Amino acid sequence: MLSGGERQRVNLAAATVRPPRLLLLDEPVSALDPANRELALDLIASLSDAGVAVLAVFHDADAMHRLATRVVELRDGRVAREGAPADVLAVAA
């Protein structure tokens, strides 16, 4: 049986075998230790740089600043704010 972090790493590794056109991620670094978190963020960035569209849910502002080109903040199931990471995350801080 795999731990949560190991499952996250396997799922991300699977995306590199044959990169999809769209990669959906739900808290992809939440269960990872700091070293593997950095590797996962680098991998996600490289997939995005290679043309893979990435739609991800994060609660980690640092990850959003590093990876996002657009941030959508949801509140009570509705869009509260959207825009560039610097704009949306500055208001949230």
N, C-alpha and C. Protein backbone atom coordinates (compact mmCIF):
# COMPACT_ATOMS: atom_id res chain seq x y z
N MET A 1 0.83 -1.17 0.00
CA MET A 1 0.00 0.00 0.00
C MET A 1 0.89 1.24 0.00
N LEU A 2 0.52 2.23 -0.80
CA LEU A 2 1.30 3.45 -0.92
C LEU A 2 0.79 4.53 0.03
N SER A 3 1.72 5.34 0.52
CA SER A 3 1.32 6.48 1.34
C SER A 3 0.72 7.54 0.43
N GLY A 4 0.13 8.57 1.03
CA GLY A 4 -0.45 9.66 0.24
C GLY A 4 0.58 10.34 -0.64
N GLY A 5 1.75 10.59 -0.09
CA GLY A 5 2.82 11.22 -0.86
C GLY A 5 3.31 10.34 -2.00
N GLU A 6 3.42 9.05 -1.74
CA GLU A 6 3.85 8.12 -2.80
C GLU A 6 2.82 8.06 -3.92
N ARG A 7 1.53 8.08 -3.56
CA ARG A 7 0.48 8.09 -4.60
C ARG A 7 0.55 9.36 -5.43
N GLN A 8 0.80 10.50 -4.77
CA GLN A 8 0.93 11.77 -5.50
C GLN A 8 2.08 11.67 -6.50
N ARG A 9 3.22 11.13 -6.07
CA ARG A 9 4.39 11.02 -6.94
C ARG A 9 4.13 10.08 -8.11
N VAL A 10 3.46 8.97 -7.87
CA VAL A 10 3.13 8.03 -8.95
C VAL A 10 2.21 8.68 -9.96
N ASN A 11 1.20 9.40 -9.48
CA ASN A 11 0.27 10.07 -10.40
C ASN A 11 0.98 11.11 -11.25
N LEU A 12 1.87 11.89 -10.66
CA LEU A 12 2.62 12.87 -11.44
C LEU A 12 3.57 12.20 -12.42
N ALA A 13 4.20 11.11 -12.00
CA ALA A 13 5.10 10.39 -12.90
C ALA A 13 4.34 9.84 -14.10
N ALA A 14 3.13 9.38 -13.87
CA ALA A 14 2.32 8.84 -14.97
C ALA A 14 2.06 9.90 -16.03
N ALA A 15 1.98 11.15 -15.62
CA ALA A 15 1.72 12.24 -16.57
C ALA A 15 2.92 12.50 -17.48
N THR A 16 4.10 12.00 -17.09
CA THR A 16 5.29 12.24 -17.92
C THR A 16 5.51 11.14 -18.95
N VAL A 17 4.88 9.99 -18.77
CA VAL A 17 5.06 8.88 -19.70
C VAL A 17 4.54 9.26 -21.08
N ARG A 18 3.33 9.73 -21.10
CA ARG A 18 2.74 10.25 -22.33
C ARG A 18 1.94 11.48 -21.91
N PRO A 19 2.59 12.64 -21.95
CA PRO A 19 1.93 13.84 -21.43
C PRO A 19 0.58 14.09 -22.09
N PRO A 20 -0.42 14.38 -21.29
CA PRO A 20 -1.75 14.67 -21.83
C PRO A 20 -1.81 16.10 -22.36
N ARG A 21 -2.87 16.45 -23.03
CA ARG A 21 -3.07 17.85 -23.44
C ARG A 21 -3.55 18.67 -22.26
N LEU A 22 -4.30 18.03 -21.35
CA LEU A 22 -4.80 18.69 -20.16
C LEU A 22 -4.52 17.82 -18.95
N LEU A 23 -3.92 18.42 -17.94
CA LEU A 23 -3.61 17.70 -16.71
C LEU A 23 -4.41 18.34 -15.57
N LEU A 24 -5.27 17.55 -14.93
CA LEU A 24 -6.08 18.01 -13.81
C LEU A 24 -5.43 17.55 -12.51
N LEU A 25 -5.18 18.48 -11.62
CA LEU A 25 -4.49 18.16 -10.37
C LEU A 25 -5.27 18.70 -9.18
N ASP A 26 -5.41 17.89 -8.14
CA ASP A 26 -6.08 18.32 -6.91
C ASP A 26 -5.07 18.23 -5.77
N GLU A 27 -4.58 19.37 -5.33
CA GLU A 27 -3.59 19.44 -4.26
C GLU A 27 -2.42 18.47 -4.50
N PRO A 28 -1.72 18.62 -5.63
CA PRO A 28 -0.69 17.64 -5.99
C PRO A 28 0.53 17.60 -5.08
N VAL A 29 0.74 18.59 -4.25
CA VAL A 29 1.92 18.57 -3.38
C VAL A 29 1.56 18.50 -1.89
N SER A 30 0.29 18.29 -1.60
CA SER A 30 -0.18 18.36 -0.20
C SER A 30 0.44 17.30 0.70
N ALA A 31 0.72 16.13 0.21
CA ALA A 31 1.21 15.05 1.05
C ALA A 31 2.71 14.79 0.88
N LEU A 32 3.40 15.74 0.26
CA LEU A 32 4.81 15.53 -0.04
C LEU A 32 5.73 16.23 0.96
N ASP A 33 6.88 15.61 1.21
CA ASP A 33 7.90 16.24 2.04
C ASP A 33 8.53 17.38 1.23
N PRO A 34 9.25 18.30 1.87
CA PRO A 34 9.77 19.47 1.16
C PRO A 34 10.60 19.17 -0.10
N ALA A 35 11.45 18.17 -0.04
CA ALA A 35 12.29 17.85 -1.21
C ALA A 35 11.43 17.36 -2.38
N ASN A 36 10.50 16.46 -2.11
CA ASN A 36 9.64 15.94 -3.17
C ASN A 36 8.63 16.98 -3.63
N ARG A 37 8.25 17.90 -2.75
CA ARG A 37 7.36 19.01 -3.14
C ARG A 37 8.04 19.84 -4.22
N GLU A 38 9.32 20.17 -4.01
CA GLU A 38 10.06 20.96 -4.99
C GLU A 38 10.19 20.22 -6.32
N LEU A 39 10.47 18.92 -6.25
CA LEU A 39 10.57 18.12 -7.48
C LEU A 39 9.24 18.09 -8.22
N ALA A 40 8.14 17.95 -7.47
CA ALA A 40 6.82 17.90 -8.10
C ALA A 40 6.48 19.25 -8.74
N LEU A 41 6.77 20.35 -8.06
CA LEU A 41 6.49 21.67 -8.64
C LEU A 41 7.32 21.89 -9.90
N ASP A 42 8.57 21.45 -9.87
CA ASP A 42 9.42 21.56 -11.07
C ASP A 42 8.86 20.73 -12.21
N LEU A 43 8.38 19.53 -11.90
CA LEU A 43 7.81 18.66 -12.92
C LEU A 43 6.55 19.28 -13.53
N ILE A 44 5.69 19.81 -12.68
CA ILE A 44 4.46 20.46 -13.18
C ILE A 44 4.83 21.64 -14.07
N ALA A 45 5.80 22.43 -13.65
CA ALA A 45 6.24 23.58 -14.46
C ALA A 45 6.79 23.12 -15.80
N SER A 46 7.56 22.04 -15.80
CA SER A 46 8.14 21.56 -17.07
C SER A 46 7.05 21.02 -18.00
N LEU A 47 6.03 20.37 -17.45
CA LEU A 47 4.92 19.92 -18.28
C LEU A 47 4.19 21.10 -18.89
N SER A 48 3.96 22.12 -18.08
CA SER A 48 3.31 23.34 -18.58
C SER A 48 4.16 24.00 -19.66
N ASP A 49 5.45 24.08 -19.44
CA ASP A 49 6.36 24.67 -20.43
C ASP A 49 6.36 23.87 -21.73
N ALA A 50 6.07 22.57 -21.63
CA ALA A 50 6.05 21.70 -22.82
C ALA A 50 4.70 21.76 -23.54
N GLY A 51 3.78 22.62 -23.05
CA GLY A 51 2.51 22.79 -23.74
C GLY A 51 1.33 22.07 -23.13
N VAL A 52 1.52 21.41 -22.00
CA VAL A 52 0.42 20.74 -21.33
C VAL A 52 -0.38 21.80 -20.56
N ALA A 53 -1.67 21.86 -20.79
CA ALA A 53 -2.54 22.76 -20.03
C ALA A 53 -2.75 22.13 -18.66
N VAL A 54 -2.51 22.89 -17.61
CA VAL A 54 -2.63 22.38 -16.25
C VAL A 54 -3.72 23.15 -15.53
N LEU A 55 -4.69 22.42 -15.01
CA LEU A 55 -5.75 22.98 -14.18
C LEU A 55 -5.57 22.34 -12.81
N ALA A 56 -5.23 23.16 -11.82
CA ALA A 56 -4.89 22.60 -10.51
C ALA A 56 -5.61 23.33 -9.39
N VAL A 57 -5.92 22.58 -8.34
CA VAL A 57 -6.45 23.14 -7.11
C VAL A 57 -5.30 23.17 -6.12
N PHE A 58 -5.04 24.35 -5.58
CA PHE A 58 -3.99 24.52 -4.57
C PHE A 58 -4.53 25.36 -3.43
N HIS A 59 -4.06 25.08 -2.23
CA HIS A 59 -4.27 25.96 -1.09
C HIS A 59 -2.93 26.59 -0.71
N ASP A 60 -1.91 26.27 -1.47
CA ASP A 60 -0.53 26.69 -1.22
C ASP A 60 -0.22 27.92 -2.08
N ALA A 61 -0.17 29.10 -1.44
CA ALA A 61 0.05 30.35 -2.18
C ALA A 61 1.39 30.35 -2.90
N ASP A 62 2.43 29.79 -2.28
CA ASP A 62 3.74 29.73 -2.93
C ASP A 62 3.66 28.96 -4.24
N ALA A 63 3.00 27.82 -4.24
CA ALA A 63 2.86 27.03 -5.46
C ALA A 63 2.08 27.80 -6.52
N MET A 64 1.04 28.52 -6.09
CA MET A 64 0.26 29.30 -7.06
C MET A 64 1.11 30.41 -7.66
N HIS A 65 1.89 31.09 -6.84
CA HIS A 65 2.77 32.15 -7.37
C HIS A 65 3.77 31.57 -8.37
N ARG A 66 4.28 30.38 -8.08
CA ARG A 66 5.30 29.78 -8.94
C ARG A 66 4.74 29.25 -10.25
N LEU A 67 3.52 28.69 -10.22
CA LEU A 67 3.02 27.96 -11.38
C LEU A 67 1.90 28.64 -12.15
N ALA A 68 1.09 29.42 -11.48
CA ALA A 68 -0.15 29.88 -12.10
C ALA A 68 0.06 31.04 -13.07
N THR A 69 -0.73 31.01 -14.13
CA THR A 69 -0.83 32.16 -15.02
C THR A 69 -2.16 32.87 -14.76
N ARG A 70 -3.09 32.16 -14.11
CA ARG A 70 -4.39 32.71 -13.76
C ARG A 70 -4.87 32.01 -12.50
N VAL A 71 -5.45 32.77 -11.59
CA VAL A 71 -5.96 32.23 -10.33
C VAL A 71 -7.44 32.55 -10.23
N VAL A 72 -8.21 31.56 -9.83
CA VAL A 72 -9.64 31.75 -9.58
C VAL A 72 -9.87 31.38 -8.11
N GLU A 73 -10.37 32.34 -7.35
CA GLU A 73 -10.68 32.10 -5.94
C GLU A 73 -12.18 31.80 -5.84
N LEU A 74 -12.48 30.66 -5.24
CA LEU A 74 -13.88 30.27 -5.05
C LEU A 74 -14.28 30.49 -3.59
N ARG A 75 -15.50 30.95 -3.40
CA ARG A 75 -16.05 31.09 -2.05
C ARG A 75 -17.51 30.66 -2.11
N ASP A 76 -17.86 29.69 -1.30
CA ASP A 76 -19.23 29.17 -1.26
C ASP A 76 -19.69 28.68 -2.63
N GLY A 77 -18.76 28.07 -3.37
CA GLY A 77 -19.10 27.50 -4.67
C GLY A 77 -19.23 28.50 -5.80
N ARG A 78 -18.86 29.74 -5.55
CA ARG A 78 -18.95 30.78 -6.58
C ARG A 78 -17.59 31.46 -6.75
N VAL A 79 -17.37 32.02 -7.94
CA VAL A 79 -16.13 32.74 -8.20
C VAL A 79 -16.16 34.06 -7.42
N ALA A 80 -15.20 34.21 -6.52
CA ALA A 80 -15.09 35.44 -5.72
C ALA A 80 -14.16 36.44 -6.41
N ARG A 81 -13.06 35.94 -6.96
CA ARG A 81 -12.08 36.77 -7.68
C ARG A 81 -11.39 35.90 -8.71
N GLU A 82 -10.90 36.56 -9.74
CA GLU A 82 -10.07 35.86 -10.72
C GLU A 82 -9.15 36.87 -11.38
N GLY A 83 -8.00 36.34 -11.84
CA GLY A 83 -7.05 37.20 -12.51
C GLY A 83 -5.63 36.69 -12.38
N ALA A 84 -4.69 37.59 -12.57
CA ALA A 84 -3.27 37.25 -12.45
C ALA A 84 -2.96 36.88 -11.01
N PRO A 85 -2.04 35.92 -10.80
CA PRO A 85 -1.72 35.49 -9.43
C PRO A 85 -1.35 36.64 -8.50
N ALA A 86 -0.54 37.57 -8.96
CA ALA A 86 -0.11 38.68 -8.10
C ALA A 86 -1.30 39.51 -7.66
N ASP A 87 -2.28 39.70 -8.52
CA ASP A 87 -3.45 40.49 -8.19
C ASP A 87 -4.37 39.76 -7.22
N VAL A 88 -4.72 38.55 -7.54
CA VAL A 88 -5.67 37.79 -6.72
C VAL A 88 -5.06 37.42 -5.36
N LEU A 89 -3.82 36.97 -5.37
CA LEU A 89 -3.20 36.53 -4.12
C LEU A 89 -2.84 37.70 -3.22
N ALA A 90 -2.57 38.87 -3.79
CA ALA A 90 -2.28 40.05 -2.97
C ALA A 90 -3.50 40.44 -2.15
N VAL A 91 -4.68 40.33 -2.74
CA VAL A 91 -5.92 40.66 -2.05
C VAL A 91 -6.21 39.63 -0.97
N ALA A 92 -5.90 38.36 -1.26
CA ALA A 92 -6.19 37.27 -0.31
C ALA A 92 -5.28 37.31 0.90
N ALA A 93 -4.11 37.93 0.77
CA ALA A 93 -3.12 37.93 1.85
C ALA A 93 -3.45 38.82 3.00
